[in-house]
Amino acid sequence: MSSAMGSPTNVFWHECAVGKGERQKLVNQQGCVVWITGLSGSGKSTLACSLNRELHSRGKLSYVLDGDNVRHGLNKNLGFSPEDRTENIRRVGEVSKLFADAGLICIASLISPYRKDRDACRALMTDANFIEAMLLSVFMNIPLEVCERRDTKGLYKLARAGKIKGFTGIDDPYEPPLNCEIKIEQKNGVCPTPCDMAAQVVSYLDGNGFLRA
């Protein structure tokens, strides 16, 4: 009997009187998810924070879900096995969807190395409210050697020394998006500035009507 209580047949969706359209009109923007994916050190968090600041300066409400930050709370019980990585991305995808439904621009910044997991998050969204980009891929299409040279957290050094196993880009694969709305890359060997990256994303959001209800 107790097991039946947890059965999906006993769980019902409840609609509320205030809908997504009304929430979006209140904040004069369209809720969406900007999913920033790329290697460690590619600049995902830098872009996320810069984009968050730029949107705030324009009077737009956004929130950053950073891959490291969510592992301090929501996902602190997860490790880095392929199964745990899949669950990590699934949870962030579900939370991102709730933020978007609330009318916010949710900026999810995670390595999210596996294509199937990112595709599963996209499938969660019921309308055109999911934007995937690799660092600003929103593809941080920043070469591994550049990310490794930065090594801001010292993780590549540990991975090369064999002290971290299953590290993305070293002994675990990163699967680039096959189709992304935005791609951030070096130009003539120079990485774009945080402001330039944010401007590229804001231009996409503005041009596609997300910055107005």
N, C-alpha and C. Protein backbone atom coordinates (compact mmCIF):
# COMPACT_ATOMS: atom_id res chain seq x y z
N MET A 1 0.83 -1.20 0.00
CA MET A 1 0.00 0.00 0.00
C MET A 1 0.86 1.25 0.00
N SER A 2 1.93 1.22 0.84
CA SER A 2 2.78 2.41 0.91
C SER A 2 3.50 2.66 -0.41
N SER A 3 3.87 1.56 -1.11
CA SER A 3 4.56 1.74 -2.38
C SER A 3 3.65 2.38 -3.41
N ALA A 4 2.35 2.08 -3.33
CA ALA A 4 1.41 2.65 -4.29
C ALA A 4 1.27 4.15 -4.12
N MET A 5 1.54 4.64 -2.90
CA MET A 5 1.41 6.07 -2.64
C MET A 5 2.40 6.87 -3.48
N GLY A 6 3.55 6.25 -3.78
CA GLY A 6 4.55 6.96 -4.58
C GLY A 6 4.39 6.75 -6.07
N SER A 7 3.39 6.03 -6.45
CA SER A 7 3.17 5.72 -7.85
C SER A 7 2.76 6.96 -8.63
N PRO A 8 3.24 7.12 -9.89
CA PRO A 8 2.86 8.28 -10.71
C PRO A 8 1.36 8.42 -10.89
N THR A 9 0.62 7.32 -10.75
CA THR A 9 -0.83 7.40 -10.93
C THR A 9 -1.50 8.16 -9.80
N ASN A 10 -0.77 8.35 -8.70
CA ASN A 10 -1.33 9.09 -7.56
C ASN A 10 -0.81 10.51 -7.46
N VAL A 11 -0.10 10.95 -8.48
CA VAL A 11 0.47 12.30 -8.51
C VAL A 11 -0.21 13.09 -9.62
N PHE A 12 -0.73 14.26 -9.27
CA PHE A 12 -1.50 15.04 -10.23
C PHE A 12 -0.91 16.44 -10.38
N TRP A 13 -0.97 16.97 -11.61
CA TRP A 13 -0.50 18.32 -11.88
C TRP A 13 -1.58 19.32 -11.53
N HIS A 14 -1.21 20.36 -10.79
CA HIS A 14 -2.17 21.39 -10.39
C HIS A 14 -1.84 22.70 -11.11
N GLU A 15 -2.78 23.21 -11.84
CA GLU A 15 -2.61 24.49 -12.50
C GLU A 15 -2.95 25.62 -11.53
N CYS A 16 -2.22 26.73 -11.67
CA CYS A 16 -2.46 27.90 -10.83
C CYS A 16 -3.16 28.99 -11.65
N ALA A 17 -3.76 29.92 -10.92
CA ALA A 17 -4.53 30.96 -11.59
C ALA A 17 -3.65 31.91 -12.40
N VAL A 18 -2.42 32.13 -11.94
CA VAL A 18 -1.50 33.02 -12.64
C VAL A 18 -0.63 32.19 -13.57
N GLY A 19 -0.69 32.48 -14.86
CA GLY A 19 0.05 31.69 -15.84
C GLY A 19 1.38 32.31 -16.23
N LYS A 20 2.12 31.56 -17.05
CA LYS A 20 3.45 32.01 -17.48
C LYS A 20 3.38 33.34 -18.23
N GLY A 21 2.37 33.48 -19.10
CA GLY A 21 2.24 34.72 -19.86
C GLY A 21 2.06 35.93 -18.97
N GLU A 22 1.29 35.77 -17.91
CA GLU A 22 1.07 36.88 -16.97
C GLU A 22 2.35 37.21 -16.20
N ARG A 23 3.10 36.19 -15.84
CA ARG A 23 4.36 36.43 -15.14
C ARG A 23 5.35 37.14 -16.05
N GLN A 24 5.37 36.76 -17.32
CA GLN A 24 6.29 37.40 -18.26
C GLN A 24 5.94 38.87 -18.48
N LYS A 25 4.65 39.17 -18.54
CA LYS A 25 4.24 40.56 -18.69
C LYS A 25 4.64 41.40 -17.48
N LEU A 26 4.62 40.77 -16.31
CA LEU A 26 4.98 41.48 -15.09
C LEU A 26 6.43 41.94 -15.10
N VAL A 27 7.32 41.11 -15.67
CA VAL A 27 8.75 41.45 -15.69
C VAL A 27 9.20 41.92 -17.08
N ASN A 28 8.26 41.97 -18.04
CA ASN A 28 8.54 42.44 -19.39
C ASN A 28 9.73 41.72 -20.03
N GLN A 29 9.68 40.42 -19.99
CA GLN A 29 10.68 39.59 -20.66
C GLN A 29 10.08 38.20 -20.81
N GLN A 30 10.74 37.36 -21.59
CA GLN A 30 10.29 35.99 -21.77
C GLN A 30 11.24 35.04 -21.05
N GLY A 31 10.66 34.20 -20.21
CA GLY A 31 11.49 33.24 -19.50
C GLY A 31 12.17 32.28 -20.47
N CYS A 32 13.44 32.04 -20.23
CA CYS A 32 14.19 31.13 -21.09
C CYS A 32 15.39 30.61 -20.34
N VAL A 33 16.10 29.67 -20.93
CA VAL A 33 17.31 29.10 -20.35
C VAL A 33 18.46 29.30 -21.31
N VAL A 34 19.51 29.89 -20.83
CA VAL A 34 20.75 30.00 -21.60
C VAL A 34 21.71 28.97 -21.02
N TRP A 35 21.97 27.92 -21.76
CA TRP A 35 22.79 26.81 -21.25
C TRP A 35 24.21 26.95 -21.80
N ILE A 36 25.13 27.25 -20.93
CA ILE A 36 26.52 27.46 -21.35
C ILE A 36 27.31 26.19 -21.06
N THR A 37 27.87 25.61 -22.09
CA THR A 37 28.59 24.35 -21.94
C THR A 37 29.98 24.46 -22.56
N GLY A 38 30.94 23.78 -21.97
CA GLY A 38 32.30 23.81 -22.48
C GLY A 38 33.25 23.20 -21.47
N LEU A 39 34.49 23.09 -21.86
CA LEU A 39 35.51 22.50 -20.99
C LEU A 39 35.75 23.34 -19.74
N SER A 40 36.30 22.70 -18.74
CA SER A 40 36.75 23.43 -17.56
C SER A 40 37.79 24.46 -17.99
N GLY A 41 37.64 25.70 -17.54
CA GLY A 41 38.59 26.75 -17.92
C GLY A 41 38.26 27.45 -19.22
N SER A 42 37.14 27.09 -19.85
CA SER A 42 36.80 27.71 -21.13
C SER A 42 36.16 29.09 -20.96
N GLY A 43 35.72 29.39 -19.74
CA GLY A 43 35.16 30.71 -19.49
C GLY A 43 33.67 30.73 -19.24
N LYS A 44 33.10 29.58 -18.92
CA LYS A 44 31.65 29.49 -18.73
C LYS A 44 31.16 30.39 -17.61
N SER A 45 31.79 30.28 -16.44
CA SER A 45 31.36 31.08 -15.29
C SER A 45 31.59 32.56 -15.53
N THR A 46 32.69 32.88 -16.20
CA THR A 46 32.98 34.28 -16.52
C THR A 46 31.89 34.86 -17.40
N LEU A 47 31.51 34.10 -18.42
CA LEU A 47 30.43 34.55 -19.30
C LEU A 47 29.12 34.67 -18.53
N ALA A 48 28.81 33.66 -17.73
CA ALA A 48 27.54 33.65 -16.99
C ALA A 48 27.41 34.90 -16.12
N CYS A 49 28.46 35.23 -15.39
CA CYS A 49 28.42 36.39 -14.49
C CYS A 49 28.36 37.69 -15.28
N SER A 50 29.10 37.77 -16.37
CA SER A 50 29.08 38.97 -17.20
C SER A 50 27.72 39.17 -17.84
N LEU A 51 27.13 38.07 -18.32
CA LEU A 51 25.79 38.13 -18.92
C LEU A 51 24.76 38.53 -17.87
N ASN A 52 24.86 37.96 -16.69
CA ASN A 52 23.95 38.29 -15.59
C ASN A 52 24.00 39.79 -15.27
N ARG A 53 25.22 40.33 -15.21
CA ARG A 53 25.40 41.76 -14.92
C ARG A 53 24.83 42.63 -16.04
N GLU A 54 25.06 42.25 -17.29
CA GLU A 54 24.57 43.03 -18.43
C GLU A 54 23.04 43.03 -18.46
N LEU A 55 22.44 41.88 -18.22
CA LEU A 55 20.97 41.81 -18.20
C LEU A 55 20.42 42.65 -17.05
N HIS A 56 21.06 42.59 -15.91
CA HIS A 56 20.62 43.39 -14.76
C HIS A 56 20.66 44.88 -15.08
N SER A 57 21.73 45.31 -15.77
CA SER A 57 21.87 46.72 -16.13
C SER A 57 20.77 47.17 -17.09
N ARG A 58 20.17 46.20 -17.79
CA ARG A 58 19.08 46.51 -18.72
C ARG A 58 17.71 46.34 -18.06
N GLY A 59 17.71 46.07 -16.76
CA GLY A 59 16.46 45.90 -16.04
C GLY A 59 15.81 44.56 -16.27
N LYS A 60 16.62 43.55 -16.64
CA LYS A 60 16.10 42.21 -16.90
C LYS A 60 16.50 41.28 -15.76
N LEU A 61 15.56 40.42 -15.38
CA LEU A 61 15.75 39.54 -14.24
C LEU A 61 16.32 38.20 -14.68
N SER A 62 17.49 37.87 -14.16
CA SER A 62 18.14 36.60 -14.51
C SER A 62 18.75 35.98 -13.26
N TYR A 63 19.06 34.69 -13.38
CA TYR A 63 19.69 33.99 -12.26
C TYR A 63 20.66 32.96 -12.82
N VAL A 64 21.82 32.86 -12.17
CA VAL A 64 22.87 31.94 -12.62
C VAL A 64 22.84 30.66 -11.81
N LEU A 65 22.77 29.53 -12.49
CA LEU A 65 22.97 28.22 -11.88
C LEU A 65 24.36 27.74 -12.31
N ASP A 66 25.32 27.90 -11.42
CA ASP A 66 26.70 27.54 -11.72
C ASP A 66 26.95 26.08 -11.33
N GLY A 67 27.68 25.37 -12.18
CA GLY A 67 27.92 23.95 -11.96
C GLY A 67 28.55 23.63 -10.62
N ASP A 68 29.54 24.42 -10.20
CA ASP A 68 30.17 24.20 -8.90
C ASP A 68 29.22 24.56 -7.76
N ASN A 69 28.50 25.66 -7.91
CA ASN A 69 27.63 26.13 -6.84
C ASN A 69 26.52 25.13 -6.51
N VAL A 70 25.91 24.54 -7.54
CA VAL A 70 24.81 23.62 -7.26
C VAL A 70 25.29 22.36 -6.56
N ARG A 71 26.58 22.05 -6.67
CA ARG A 71 27.13 20.88 -5.99
C ARG A 71 27.39 21.16 -4.50
N HIS A 72 27.18 22.40 -4.08
CA HIS A 72 27.26 22.72 -2.65
C HIS A 72 25.92 22.50 -1.95
N GLY A 73 24.85 22.35 -2.71
CA GLY A 73 23.54 22.22 -2.12
C GLY A 73 22.69 21.18 -2.81
N LEU A 74 21.99 21.61 -3.86
CA LEU A 74 21.06 20.74 -4.58
C LEU A 74 21.67 19.39 -4.96
N ASN A 75 22.92 19.42 -5.44
CA ASN A 75 23.54 18.19 -5.95
C ASN A 75 24.77 17.76 -5.14
N LYS A 76 24.79 18.11 -3.85
CA LYS A 76 25.98 17.80 -3.05
C LYS A 76 26.14 16.30 -2.79
N ASN A 77 25.11 15.53 -3.04
CA ASN A 77 25.20 14.08 -2.84
C ASN A 77 25.66 13.34 -4.09
N LEU A 78 26.02 14.07 -5.14
CA LEU A 78 26.43 13.44 -6.40
C LEU A 78 27.93 13.51 -6.60
N GLY A 79 28.47 12.47 -7.20
CA GLY A 79 29.89 12.45 -7.55
C GLY A 79 30.08 12.78 -9.02
N PHE A 80 31.10 12.14 -9.64
CA PHE A 80 31.42 12.46 -11.02
C PHE A 80 31.44 11.22 -11.92
N SER A 81 30.76 10.18 -11.49
CA SER A 81 30.59 9.03 -12.37
C SER A 81 29.67 9.44 -13.51
N PRO A 82 29.67 8.71 -14.62
CA PRO A 82 28.75 9.06 -15.72
C PRO A 82 27.30 9.14 -15.26
N GLU A 83 26.91 8.22 -14.36
CA GLU A 83 25.53 8.21 -13.87
C GLU A 83 25.24 9.45 -13.03
N ASP A 84 26.17 9.82 -12.17
CA ASP A 84 25.98 11.00 -11.33
C ASP A 84 26.00 12.28 -12.16
N ARG A 85 26.83 12.31 -13.18
CA ARG A 85 26.85 13.48 -14.06
C ARG A 85 25.52 13.64 -14.79
N THR A 86 24.96 12.52 -15.22
CA THR A 86 23.65 12.56 -15.87
C THR A 86 22.59 13.09 -14.92
N GLU A 87 22.60 12.62 -13.68
CA GLU A 87 21.62 13.08 -12.70
C GLU A 87 21.85 14.54 -12.34
N ASN A 88 23.10 14.96 -12.27
CA ASN A 88 23.44 16.35 -12.00
C ASN A 88 22.82 17.27 -13.05
N ILE A 89 22.98 16.90 -14.31
CA ILE A 89 22.43 17.71 -15.40
C ILE A 89 20.91 17.65 -15.42
N ARG A 90 20.35 16.47 -15.13
CA ARG A 90 18.89 16.35 -15.12
C ARG A 90 18.28 17.28 -14.07
N ARG A 91 18.86 17.31 -12.89
CA ARG A 91 18.32 18.16 -11.83
C ARG A 91 18.42 19.64 -12.21
N VAL A 92 19.57 20.03 -12.73
CA VAL A 92 19.73 21.43 -13.12
C VAL A 92 18.76 21.78 -14.24
N GLY A 93 18.54 20.84 -15.16
CA GLY A 93 17.58 21.07 -16.23
C GLY A 93 16.18 21.30 -15.69
N GLU A 94 15.77 20.50 -14.71
CA GLU A 94 14.44 20.65 -14.12
C GLU A 94 14.30 21.99 -13.39
N VAL A 95 15.33 22.37 -12.63
CA VAL A 95 15.28 23.65 -11.93
C VAL A 95 15.29 24.81 -12.92
N SER A 96 16.09 24.68 -13.98
CA SER A 96 16.14 25.72 -15.01
C SER A 96 14.77 25.93 -15.64
N LYS A 97 14.09 24.83 -15.87
CA LYS A 97 12.76 24.91 -16.46
C LYS A 97 11.81 25.68 -15.55
N LEU A 98 11.91 25.47 -14.25
CA LEU A 98 11.05 26.19 -13.30
C LEU A 98 11.36 27.69 -13.32
N PHE A 99 12.64 28.04 -13.36
CA PHE A 99 13.02 29.45 -13.44
C PHE A 99 12.44 30.08 -14.70
N ALA A 100 12.57 29.38 -15.82
CA ALA A 100 12.06 29.91 -17.09
C ALA A 100 10.55 30.07 -17.03
N ASP A 101 9.88 29.10 -16.41
CA ASP A 101 8.42 29.17 -16.29
C ASP A 101 8.00 30.34 -15.41
N ALA A 102 8.87 30.72 -14.47
CA ALA A 102 8.59 31.86 -13.60
C ALA A 102 8.79 33.19 -14.32
N GLY A 103 9.37 33.13 -15.53
CA GLY A 103 9.59 34.35 -16.30
C GLY A 103 11.01 34.87 -16.25
N LEU A 104 11.92 34.14 -15.59
CA LEU A 104 13.31 34.56 -15.48
C LEU A 104 14.13 34.08 -16.66
N ILE A 105 15.25 34.74 -16.88
CA ILE A 105 16.25 34.26 -17.81
C ILE A 105 17.24 33.47 -16.97
N CYS A 106 17.20 32.16 -17.09
CA CYS A 106 18.07 31.29 -16.29
C CYS A 106 19.34 31.01 -17.07
N ILE A 107 20.48 31.29 -16.44
CA ILE A 107 21.78 31.07 -17.06
C ILE A 107 22.42 29.86 -16.39
N ALA A 108 22.42 28.72 -17.07
CA ALA A 108 22.99 27.49 -16.52
C ALA A 108 24.39 27.31 -17.08
N SER A 109 25.37 27.28 -16.19
CA SER A 109 26.76 27.22 -16.61
C SER A 109 27.39 25.94 -16.07
N LEU A 110 27.50 24.93 -16.94
CA LEU A 110 28.03 23.63 -16.54
C LEU A 110 28.84 23.01 -17.66
N ILE A 111 29.84 22.22 -17.31
CA ILE A 111 30.58 21.51 -18.35
C ILE A 111 29.62 20.68 -19.19
N SER A 112 28.70 19.98 -18.53
CA SER A 112 27.69 19.13 -19.20
C SER A 112 28.30 18.44 -20.43
N PRO A 113 29.22 17.49 -20.20
CA PRO A 113 30.03 16.96 -21.30
C PRO A 113 29.31 16.05 -22.28
N TYR A 114 28.19 15.44 -21.85
CA TYR A 114 27.57 14.43 -22.69
C TYR A 114 26.39 14.99 -23.48
N ARG A 115 26.42 14.76 -24.76
CA ARG A 115 25.39 15.29 -25.66
C ARG A 115 23.99 14.79 -25.29
N LYS A 116 23.90 13.53 -24.89
CA LYS A 116 22.59 12.96 -24.58
C LYS A 116 21.95 13.66 -23.38
N ASP A 117 22.77 14.08 -22.42
CA ASP A 117 22.24 14.76 -21.24
C ASP A 117 21.75 16.16 -21.59
N ARG A 118 22.50 16.86 -22.44
CA ARG A 118 22.06 18.19 -22.87
C ARG A 118 20.79 18.08 -23.71
N ASP A 119 20.74 17.06 -24.57
CA ASP A 119 19.54 16.86 -25.39
C ASP A 119 18.33 16.56 -24.51
N ALA A 120 18.55 15.81 -23.43
CA ALA A 120 17.45 15.49 -22.52
C ALA A 120 16.92 16.74 -21.84
N CYS A 121 17.82 17.66 -21.51
CA CYS A 121 17.39 18.93 -20.91
C CYS A 121 16.59 19.75 -21.91
N ARG A 122 17.05 19.78 -23.14
CA ARG A 122 16.30 20.51 -24.17
C ARG A 122 14.89 19.94 -24.33
N ALA A 123 14.79 18.62 -24.25
CA ALA A 123 13.50 17.96 -24.42
C ALA A 123 12.54 18.28 -23.29
N LEU A 124 13.07 18.71 -22.13
CA LEU A 124 12.21 19.08 -21.01
C LEU A 124 11.37 20.30 -21.32
N MET A 125 11.91 21.17 -22.16
CA MET A 125 11.27 22.44 -22.42
C MET A 125 10.11 22.24 -23.40
N THR A 126 9.00 22.85 -23.10
CA THR A 126 7.79 22.61 -23.90
C THR A 126 7.62 23.59 -25.03
N ASP A 127 8.45 24.64 -25.08
CA ASP A 127 8.36 25.60 -26.18
C ASP A 127 9.76 26.13 -26.47
N ALA A 128 9.84 27.16 -27.26
CA ALA A 128 11.15 27.67 -27.68
C ALA A 128 11.79 28.49 -26.56
N ASN A 129 12.05 27.84 -25.41
CA ASN A 129 12.60 28.59 -24.30
C ASN A 129 13.90 28.00 -23.79
N PHE A 130 14.57 27.25 -24.64
CA PHE A 130 15.85 26.67 -24.23
C PHE A 130 16.91 27.04 -25.25
N ILE A 131 17.89 27.79 -24.79
CA ILE A 131 18.99 28.19 -25.66
C ILE A 131 20.24 27.45 -25.20
N GLU A 132 20.85 26.67 -26.05
CA GLU A 132 22.07 25.98 -25.67
C GLU A 132 23.25 26.68 -26.31
N ALA A 133 24.30 26.91 -25.54
CA ALA A 133 25.45 27.51 -26.09
C ALA A 133 26.66 26.95 -25.41
N MET A 134 27.71 26.66 -26.28
CA MET A 134 28.90 26.08 -25.61
C MET A 134 29.70 27.15 -25.00
N LEU A 135 30.64 27.62 -24.47
CA LEU A 135 30.94 28.79 -23.65
C LEU A 135 30.46 29.91 -24.42
N LEU A 136 30.02 30.51 -24.19
CA LEU A 136 29.12 31.04 -24.96
C LEU A 136 29.62 30.22 -25.90
N SER A 137 29.66 28.93 -26.22
CA SER A 137 28.90 28.10 -27.11
C SER A 137 27.55 28.40 -26.88
N VAL A 138 27.81 29.67 -26.32
CA VAL A 138 26.99 29.33 -25.25
C VAL A 138 26.49 28.18 -25.56
N PHE A 139 29.12 27.55 -27.25
CA PHE A 139 30.14 26.53 -27.18
C PHE A 139 31.30 27.36 -26.83
N MET A 140 31.52 27.47 -25.64
CA MET A 140 32.85 27.93 -25.44
C MET A 140 33.61 26.98 -26.29
N ASN A 141 33.85 27.34 -27.49
CA ASN A 141 34.68 26.51 -28.35
C ASN A 141 36.12 26.98 -28.18
N ILE A 142 36.60 26.81 -26.97
CA ILE A 142 37.96 27.23 -26.63
C ILE A 142 38.83 25.97 -26.58
N PRO A 143 39.95 25.94 -27.30
CA PRO A 143 40.76 24.73 -27.40
C PRO A 143 41.22 24.22 -26.03
N LEU A 144 41.36 22.91 -25.95
CA LEU A 144 41.80 22.28 -24.71
C LEU A 144 43.11 22.87 -24.22
N GLU A 145 44.05 23.10 -25.15
CA GLU A 145 45.36 23.60 -24.72
C GLU A 145 45.26 24.97 -24.06
N VAL A 146 44.30 25.78 -24.50
CA VAL A 146 44.10 27.10 -23.89
C VAL A 146 43.51 26.93 -22.49
N CYS A 147 42.51 26.07 -22.37
CA CYS A 147 41.88 25.82 -21.07
C CYS A 147 42.90 25.25 -20.09
N GLU A 148 43.72 24.33 -20.59
CA GLU A 148 44.71 23.69 -19.72
C GLU A 148 45.79 24.68 -19.32
N ARG A 149 46.11 25.58 -20.20
CA ARG A 149 47.12 26.59 -19.87
C ARG A 149 46.60 27.54 -18.79
N ARG A 150 45.31 27.84 -18.84
CA ARG A 150 44.72 28.68 -17.80
C ARG A 150 44.71 27.94 -16.47
N ASP A 151 44.12 26.73 -16.48
CA ASP A 151 44.03 25.85 -15.32
C ASP A 151 43.78 26.63 -14.03
N THR A 152 42.73 27.45 -14.04
CA THR A 152 42.46 28.37 -12.92
C THR A 152 42.23 27.64 -11.60
N LYS A 153 41.75 26.40 -11.65
CA LYS A 153 41.49 25.64 -10.42
C LYS A 153 42.57 24.58 -10.13
N GLY A 154 43.55 24.49 -11.02
CA GLY A 154 44.61 23.50 -10.82
C GLY A 154 44.18 22.07 -11.08
N LEU A 155 43.04 21.91 -11.75
CA LEU A 155 42.48 20.57 -11.94
C LEU A 155 43.17 19.80 -13.06
N TYR A 156 43.56 20.50 -14.12
CA TYR A 156 44.23 19.82 -15.22
C TYR A 156 45.56 19.23 -14.75
N LYS A 157 46.27 19.98 -13.92
CA LYS A 157 47.55 19.49 -13.39
C LYS A 157 47.34 18.22 -12.59
N LEU A 158 46.28 18.19 -11.76
CA LEU A 158 45.98 17.00 -10.98
C LEU A 158 45.57 15.84 -11.88
N ALA A 159 44.79 16.15 -12.91
CA ALA A 159 44.35 15.10 -13.83
C ALA A 159 45.52 14.51 -14.60
N ARG A 160 46.44 15.35 -15.05
CA ARG A 160 47.61 14.87 -15.78
C ARG A 160 48.50 14.02 -14.88
N ALA A 161 48.47 14.31 -13.57
CA ALA A 161 49.28 13.55 -12.62
C ALA A 161 48.57 12.28 -12.16
N GLY A 162 47.36 12.06 -12.68
CA GLY A 162 46.62 10.86 -12.32
C GLY A 162 45.93 10.93 -10.98
N LYS A 163 45.86 12.13 -10.40
CA LYS A 163 45.24 12.29 -9.09
C LYS A 163 43.73 12.52 -9.18
N ILE A 164 43.25 12.85 -10.38
CA ILE A 164 41.82 12.96 -10.64
C ILE A 164 41.51 12.06 -11.82
N LYS A 165 40.57 11.14 -11.63
CA LYS A 165 40.20 10.22 -12.69
C LYS A 165 38.89 10.67 -13.34
N GLY A 166 38.75 10.38 -14.62
CA GLY A 166 37.53 10.73 -15.34
C GLY A 166 37.36 12.22 -15.53
N PHE A 167 38.46 12.92 -15.75
CA PHE A 167 38.39 14.37 -15.91
C PHE A 167 38.09 14.73 -17.36
N THR A 168 37.06 15.53 -17.58
CA THR A 168 36.62 15.88 -18.93
C THR A 168 37.73 16.54 -19.73
N GLY A 169 37.97 16.01 -20.91
CA GLY A 169 39.00 16.54 -21.80
C GLY A 169 40.32 15.83 -21.68
N ILE A 170 40.51 15.09 -20.57
CA ILE A 170 41.77 14.37 -20.37
C ILE A 170 41.53 12.87 -20.52
N ASP A 171 40.81 12.26 -19.59
CA ASP A 171 40.51 10.84 -19.72
C ASP A 171 39.01 10.56 -19.72
N ASP A 172 38.23 11.60 -19.98
CA ASP A 172 36.79 11.44 -20.18
C ASP A 172 36.38 12.39 -21.30
N PRO A 173 35.48 11.98 -22.18
CA PRO A 173 35.21 12.78 -23.38
C PRO A 173 34.35 14.01 -23.12
N TYR A 174 34.53 15.00 -23.98
CA TYR A 174 33.60 16.12 -24.07
C TYR A 174 32.99 16.06 -25.47
N GLU A 175 31.67 16.02 -25.53
CA GLU A 175 30.98 15.91 -26.81
C GLU A 175 30.39 17.27 -27.18
N PRO A 176 30.99 17.96 -28.14
CA PRO A 176 30.51 19.30 -28.51
C PRO A 176 29.09 19.25 -29.06
N PRO A 177 28.33 20.31 -28.88
CA PRO A 177 26.99 20.37 -29.46
C PRO A 177 27.06 20.27 -30.98
N LEU A 178 26.14 19.55 -31.56
CA LEU A 178 26.08 19.46 -33.02
C LEU A 178 25.39 20.70 -33.59
N ASN A 179 24.44 21.23 -32.84
CA ASN A 179 23.74 22.44 -33.26
C ASN A 179 23.55 23.33 -32.03
N CYS A 180 24.19 24.47 -32.02
CA CYS A 180 24.01 25.39 -30.91
C CYS A 180 23.61 26.75 -31.47
N GLU A 181 22.85 27.49 -30.69
CA GLU A 181 22.40 28.80 -31.16
C GLU A 181 23.52 29.83 -31.18
N ILE A 182 24.45 29.69 -30.25
CA ILE A 182 25.53 30.66 -30.13
C ILE A 182 26.85 29.92 -29.95
N LYS A 183 27.88 30.40 -30.58
CA LYS A 183 29.20 29.80 -30.42
C LYS A 183 30.21 30.90 -30.15
N ILE A 184 31.02 30.70 -29.11
CA ILE A 184 32.06 31.68 -28.79
C ILE A 184 33.42 31.05 -29.06
N GLU A 185 34.20 31.76 -29.84
CA GLU A 185 35.49 31.23 -30.28
C GLU A 185 36.56 32.31 -30.24
N GLN A 186 37.80 31.84 -30.34
CA GLN A 186 38.91 32.76 -30.49
C GLN A 186 38.88 33.38 -31.88
N LYS A 187 39.41 34.58 -31.97
CA LYS A 187 39.59 35.22 -33.26
C LYS A 187 41.05 35.63 -33.38
N ASN A 188 41.70 35.04 -34.38
CA ASN A 188 43.13 35.27 -34.57
C ASN A 188 43.91 34.93 -33.30
N GLY A 189 43.48 33.83 -32.64
CA GLY A 189 44.18 33.36 -31.45
C GLY A 189 43.87 34.12 -30.18
N VAL A 190 42.92 35.05 -30.24
CA VAL A 190 42.59 35.87 -29.08
C VAL A 190 41.17 35.56 -28.62
N CYS A 191 41.03 35.31 -27.33
CA CYS A 191 39.71 35.03 -26.78
C CYS A 191 38.94 36.34 -26.60
N PRO A 192 37.64 36.33 -26.85
CA PRO A 192 36.84 37.55 -26.66
C PRO A 192 36.77 37.93 -25.19
N THR A 193 36.57 39.20 -24.92
CA THR A 193 36.47 39.68 -23.55
C THR A 193 35.13 39.26 -22.95
N PRO A 194 35.01 39.24 -21.62
CA PRO A 194 33.72 38.92 -21.00
C PRO A 194 32.59 39.81 -21.51
N CYS A 195 32.87 41.10 -21.68
CA CYS A 195 31.84 42.03 -22.18
C CYS A 195 31.41 41.69 -23.60
N ASP A 196 32.38 41.32 -24.44
CA ASP A 196 32.06 40.96 -25.82
C ASP A 196 31.24 39.68 -25.88
N MET A 197 31.58 38.72 -25.02
CA MET A 197 30.83 37.46 -24.99
C MET A 197 29.39 37.72 -24.55
N ALA A 198 29.24 38.50 -23.49
CA ALA A 198 27.90 38.82 -22.98
C ALA A 198 27.09 39.55 -24.04
N ALA A 199 27.74 40.47 -24.74
CA ALA A 199 27.04 41.24 -25.78
C ALA A 199 26.54 40.33 -26.89
N GLN A 200 27.30 39.29 -27.20
CA GLN A 200 26.89 38.35 -28.25
C GLN A 200 25.62 37.61 -27.83
N VAL A 201 25.54 37.22 -26.56
CA VAL A 201 24.35 36.51 -26.08
C VAL A 201 23.17 37.46 -25.99
N VAL A 202 23.41 38.64 -25.45
CA VAL A 202 22.32 39.63 -25.31
C VAL A 202 21.75 39.98 -26.68
N SER A 203 22.61 40.10 -27.68
CA SER A 203 22.15 40.40 -29.03
C SER A 203 21.22 39.31 -29.54
N TYR A 204 21.57 38.05 -29.24
CA TYR A 204 20.71 36.93 -29.66
C TYR A 204 19.38 36.99 -28.92
N LEU A 205 19.43 37.21 -27.61
CA LEU A 205 18.20 37.28 -26.82
C LEU A 205 17.30 38.40 -27.30
N ASP A 206 17.89 39.55 -27.54
CA ASP A 206 17.13 40.72 -27.98
C ASP A 206 16.54 40.50 -29.36
N GLY A 207 17.37 39.96 -30.26
CA GLY A 207 16.93 39.74 -31.63
C GLY A 207 15.83 38.69 -31.75
N ASN A 208 15.76 37.80 -30.75
CA ASN A 208 14.74 36.75 -30.79
C ASN A 208 13.58 37.01 -29.83
N GLY A 209 13.49 38.24 -29.35
CA GLY A 209 12.32 38.66 -28.60
C GLY A 209 12.25 38.26 -27.14
N PHE A 210 13.36 37.74 -26.57
CA PHE A 210 13.31 37.29 -25.19
C PHE A 210 13.36 38.45 -24.18
N LEU A 211 13.78 39.62 -24.61
CA LEU A 211 13.94 40.74 -23.68
C LEU A 211 12.71 41.62 -23.63
N ARG A 212 11.59 41.12 -24.15
CA ARG A 212 10.33 41.82 -24.03
C ARG A 212 9.20 40.80 -23.94
N ALA A 213 8.15 41.19 -23.27
CA ALA A 213 7.04 40.25 -23.06
C ALA A 213 6.20 40.11 -24.32
